[in-house]
């Protein structure tokens, strides 16, 4: 016979389990952020993070298989939100350079809030493709590249960009310039967004104009 009481209690039990998972995840993120900030990446152990988060070591490995994974557990949700904000920043009446700078400025200001942890993230993500948190990170990076490709493609369609390469190839090169510059900038003591963005703007101007004897900002 169908047990009505069990059916009524099941959603509450599922809700409690999900809430418990969320709370554990938040505790792990907070513990990892705090210990990495205080003791550094190398001197922080998974066991210490589990102890601070009040979870078993096996539970911690369910959320992150190593310390690199934990860096992305800390940042993935924030990176996704920053990417959404960045892709909404460009305006239709702006030049291609202005649109790109609007996207990247959002990232510079975000990373400047916590330079020490940002250095860890930018260092670790270079070869990050496998791990518990990898899929979420790769999805966010894919959205950013797709957004850059879209504005490059639009500039080509409007004949504001004369390069015959595909929009995806141009976007990837622009992303590489940004990736190199932001790492160069974050490595400096007390990185200020204005300084980093000014350097990036110069390189993107060169990227857009190339070696044209009659350079122009588009």
Protein backbone atom coordinates (compact mmCIF):
# COMPACT_ATOMS: atom_id res chain seq x y z
CA UNK A 1 0.00 0.00 0.00
CA UNK A 2 1.19 3.53 -0.78
CA UNK A 3 2.51 5.23 2.36
CA UNK A 4 1.21 8.80 2.26
CA UNK A 5 3.34 9.86 5.24
CA UNK A 6 6.55 8.71 3.52
CA UNK A 7 5.55 10.60 0.38
CA UNK A 8 4.92 13.75 2.42
CA UNK A 9 8.21 13.47 4.30
CA UNK A 10 10.39 12.69 1.25
CA UNK A 11 10.54 16.26 -0.17
CA UNK A 12 11.55 17.61 3.24
CA UNK A 13 14.29 15.01 3.54
CA UNK A 14 15.58 15.86 0.07
CA UNK A 15 15.45 19.53 0.92
CA UNK A 16 17.43 18.99 4.10
CA UNK A 17 20.05 16.93 2.28
CA UNK A 18 20.47 19.61 -0.37
CA UNK A 19 20.68 22.32 2.28
CA UNK A 20 23.32 20.29 4.09
CA UNK A 21 25.36 20.00 0.88
CA UNK A 22 25.12 23.74 0.29
CA UNK A 23 26.23 24.51 3.84
CA UNK A 24 29.19 22.11 3.56
CA UNK A 25 30.22 23.67 0.26
CA UNK A 26 30.09 27.16 1.77
CA UNK A 27 32.13 26.07 4.80
CA UNK A 28 34.74 24.43 2.58
CA UNK A 29 35.02 27.53 0.38
CA UNK A 30 35.37 29.80 3.41
CA UNK A 31 37.94 27.54 5.06
CA UNK A 32 40.05 27.23 1.91
CA UNK A 33 39.95 30.98 1.24
CA UNK A 34 40.92 31.79 4.83
CA UNK A 35 43.78 29.27 5.08
CA UNK A 36 45.20 30.04 1.64
CA UNK A 37 45.18 33.74 2.52
CA UNK A 38 46.79 33.27 5.94
CA UNK A 39 49.30 30.49 5.29
CA UNK A 40 49.76 30.44 1.53
CA UNK A 41 48.96 27.78 -1.01
CA UNK A 42 51.98 25.53 -0.43
CA UNK A 43 51.73 25.47 3.37
CA UNK A 44 48.01 24.73 3.50
CA UNK A 45 46.99 21.07 3.53
CA UNK A 46 43.75 19.43 2.52
CA UNK A 47 43.50 17.97 6.00
CA UNK A 48 43.73 21.44 7.58
CA UNK A 49 40.98 22.73 5.29
CA UNK A 50 38.73 19.77 6.13
CA UNK A 51 39.29 20.36 9.83
CA UNK A 52 38.53 24.08 9.55
CA UNK A 53 35.39 23.37 7.49
CA UNK A 54 34.24 20.71 9.99
CA UNK A 55 33.95 17.99 7.35
CA UNK A 56 35.66 14.63 6.90
CA UNK A 57 38.61 14.40 4.54
CA UNK A 58 36.60 12.05 2.31
CA UNK A 59 33.82 14.64 2.10
CA UNK A 60 36.32 17.31 1.10
CA UNK A 61 37.62 15.12 -1.72
CA UNK A 62 34.04 14.82 -2.98
CA UNK A 63 34.01 18.57 -3.59
CA UNK A 64 37.62 18.98 -4.72
CA UNK A 65 40.18 16.33 -5.54
CA UNK A 66 43.20 18.55 -4.74
CA UNK A 67 44.20 22.09 -3.76
CA UNK A 68 44.01 23.31 -7.35
CA UNK A 69 40.39 22.19 -7.44
CA UNK A 70 39.78 24.12 -4.23
CA UNK A 71 41.02 27.34 -5.83
CA UNK A 72 38.37 26.92 -8.49
CA UNK A 73 35.74 25.94 -5.96
CA UNK A 74 36.40 29.31 -4.30
CA UNK A 75 36.26 31.28 -7.53
CA UNK A 76 33.97 29.50 -10.01
CA UNK A 77 30.70 31.12 -8.96
CA UNK A 78 32.32 34.55 -8.80
CA UNK A 79 34.03 34.11 -12.17
CA UNK A 80 30.72 33.15 -13.73
CA UNK A 81 29.06 36.27 -12.33
CA UNK A 82 31.97 38.50 -13.40
CA UNK A 83 31.83 37.07 -16.91
CA UNK A 84 28.11 37.77 -17.14
CA UNK A 85 28.71 41.35 -15.98
CA UNK A 86 31.66 41.78 -18.36
CA UNK A 87 29.75 40.59 -21.42
CA UNK A 88 26.95 43.07 -20.65
CA UNK A 89 29.39 46.00 -20.43
CA UNK A 90 30.11 46.81 -24.13
CA UNK A 91 27.78 49.30 -25.81
CA UNK A 92 26.72 49.16 -29.50
CA UNK A 93 27.98 52.68 -30.24
CA UNK A 94 31.50 51.94 -28.96
CA UNK A 95 34.52 51.10 -31.10
CA UNK A 96 35.86 47.55 -31.06
CA UNK A 97 38.70 48.65 -28.81
CA UNK A 98 36.30 50.32 -26.37
CA UNK A 99 34.08 47.25 -26.29
CA UNK A 100 37.02 44.96 -25.54
CA UNK A 101 38.29 47.27 -22.81
CA UNK A 102 34.82 47.33 -21.24
CA UNK A 103 34.86 43.52 -21.05
CA UNK A 104 38.35 43.26 -19.63
CA UNK A 105 38.03 46.15 -17.17
CA UNK A 106 35.46 44.15 -15.23
CA UNK A 107 38.00 41.37 -14.77
CA UNK A 108 40.82 43.68 -13.71
CA UNK A 109 38.72 45.30 -11.00
CA UNK A 110 37.56 41.90 -9.78
CA UNK A 111 41.07 40.44 -9.51
CA UNK A 112 42.42 43.58 -7.82
CA UNK A 113 40.17 43.00 -4.80
CA UNK A 114 42.28 40.08 -3.52
CA UNK A 115 45.61 40.05 -5.37
CA UNK A 116 47.12 37.16 -3.38
CA UNK A 117 44.32 34.71 -4.13
CA UNK A 118 44.00 36.09 -7.66
CA UNK A 119 47.66 35.25 -8.28
CA UNK A 120 46.97 31.67 -7.23
CA UNK A 121 43.96 31.41 -9.52
CA UNK A 122 45.67 32.92 -12.55
CA UNK A 123 48.68 30.69 -12.01
CA UNK A 124 46.67 27.49 -11.64
CA UNK A 125 44.18 27.96 -14.46
CA UNK A 126 46.82 27.85 -17.22
CA UNK A 127 46.63 24.06 -17.57
CA UNK A 128 43.36 23.47 -15.72
CA UNK A 129 41.16 21.14 -17.76
CA UNK A 130 40.56 18.14 -15.49
CA UNK A 131 39.14 18.16 -11.99
CA UNK A 132 35.91 18.26 -10.03
CA UNK A 133 35.49 21.97 -10.72
CA UNK A 134 36.94 22.02 -14.25
CA UNK A 135 33.67 21.81 -16.20
CA UNK A 136 32.24 24.93 -14.55
CA UNK A 137 35.43 26.89 -15.17
CA UNK A 138 35.66 25.80 -18.81
CA UNK A 139 32.02 26.77 -19.38
CA UNK A 140 32.72 30.26 -18.04
CA UNK A 141 35.84 30.66 -20.16
CA UNK A 142 33.89 29.44 -23.20
CA UNK A 143 31.22 32.10 -22.62
CA UNK A 144 33.89 34.80 -22.44
CA UNK A 145 35.52 33.66 -25.68
CA UNK A 146 32.13 33.44 -27.39
CA UNK A 147 31.31 36.97 -26.27
CA UNK A 148 34.59 38.33 -27.65
CA UNK A 149 34.01 36.42 -30.89
CA UNK A 150 30.54 37.96 -31.22
CA UNK A 151 31.75 41.55 -31.04
CA UNK A 152 34.66 40.79 -33.39
CA UNK A 153 32.25 39.20 -35.85
CA UNK A 154 29.98 42.22 -35.63
CA UNK A 155 32.93 44.54 -36.35
CA UNK A 156 33.77 42.43 -39.41
CA UNK A 157 30.17 42.49 -40.65
CA UNK A 158 30.11 46.27 -40.33
CA UNK A 159 33.45 46.49 -42.15
CA UNK A 160 35.13 48.10 -39.15
CA UNK A 161 37.66 45.27 -39.16
CA UNK A 162 39.43 44.35 -42.37
CA UNK A 163 41.17 41.16 -41.24
CA UNK A 164 40.02 38.12 -43.21
CA UNK A 165 40.76 35.62 -40.44
CA UNK A 166 37.76 34.02 -38.77
CA UNK A 167 36.17 35.82 -35.84
CA UNK A 168 37.02 32.86 -33.61
CA UNK A 169 40.74 33.06 -34.50
CA UNK A 170 40.85 36.81 -33.89
CA UNK A 171 38.96 36.42 -30.61
CA UNK A 172 41.38 33.74 -29.44
CA UNK A 173 44.36 35.99 -30.17
CA UNK A 174 42.74 38.87 -28.31
CA UNK A 175 42.08 36.53 -25.38
CA UNK A 176 45.74 35.45 -25.39
CA UNK A 177 46.85 39.10 -25.20
CA UNK A 178 44.49 39.68 -22.28
CA UNK A 179 45.60 36.48 -20.51
CA UNK A 180 49.28 37.38 -20.74
CA UNK A 181 48.76 40.97 -19.66
CA UNK A 182 46.60 40.21 -16.63
CA UNK A 183 49.21 37.76 -15.31
CA UNK A 184 52.01 40.28 -15.86
CA UNK A 185 49.94 42.90 -14.03
CA UNK A 186 48.79 40.77 -11.07
CA UNK A 187 52.40 39.74 -10.39
CA UNK A 188 53.30 43.35 -9.55
CA UNK A 189 53.14 44.55 -5.91
CA UNK A 190 49.87 46.38 -5.25
CA UNK A 191 48.43 45.96 -8.77
CA UNK A 192 46.11 48.84 -9.64
CA UNK A 193 43.48 48.30 -12.36
CA UNK A 194 44.23 51.62 -14.07
CA UNK A 195 47.87 50.69 -14.68
CA UNK A 196 47.04 47.22 -15.97
CA UNK A 197 44.25 48.44 -18.22
CA UNK A 198 46.43 51.17 -19.69
CA UNK A 199 49.09 48.61 -20.65
CA UNK A 200 46.46 46.25 -22.03
CA UNK A 201 44.94 49.04 -24.12
CA UNK A 202 48.29 49.74 -25.76
CA UNK A 203 48.72 46.08 -26.69
CA UNK A 204 45.16 45.72 -27.98
CA UNK A 205 45.63 48.86 -30.09
CA UNK A 206 48.72 47.25 -31.62
CA UNK A 207 46.77 43.99 -32.07
CA UNK A 208 43.93 45.76 -33.89
CA UNK A 209 46.09 48.08 -36.00
CA UNK A 210 48.82 45.52 -36.66
CA UNK A 211 51.72 46.91 -38.63
CA UNK A 212 49.54 49.10 -40.82
CA UNK A 213 51.57 52.17 -41.87
CA UNK A 214 48.43 54.23 -41.31
CA UNK A 215 47.13 52.95 -37.98
CA UNK A 216 43.59 53.76 -36.93
CA UNK A 217 41.50 53.02 -33.88
CA UNK A 218 38.36 51.06 -34.72
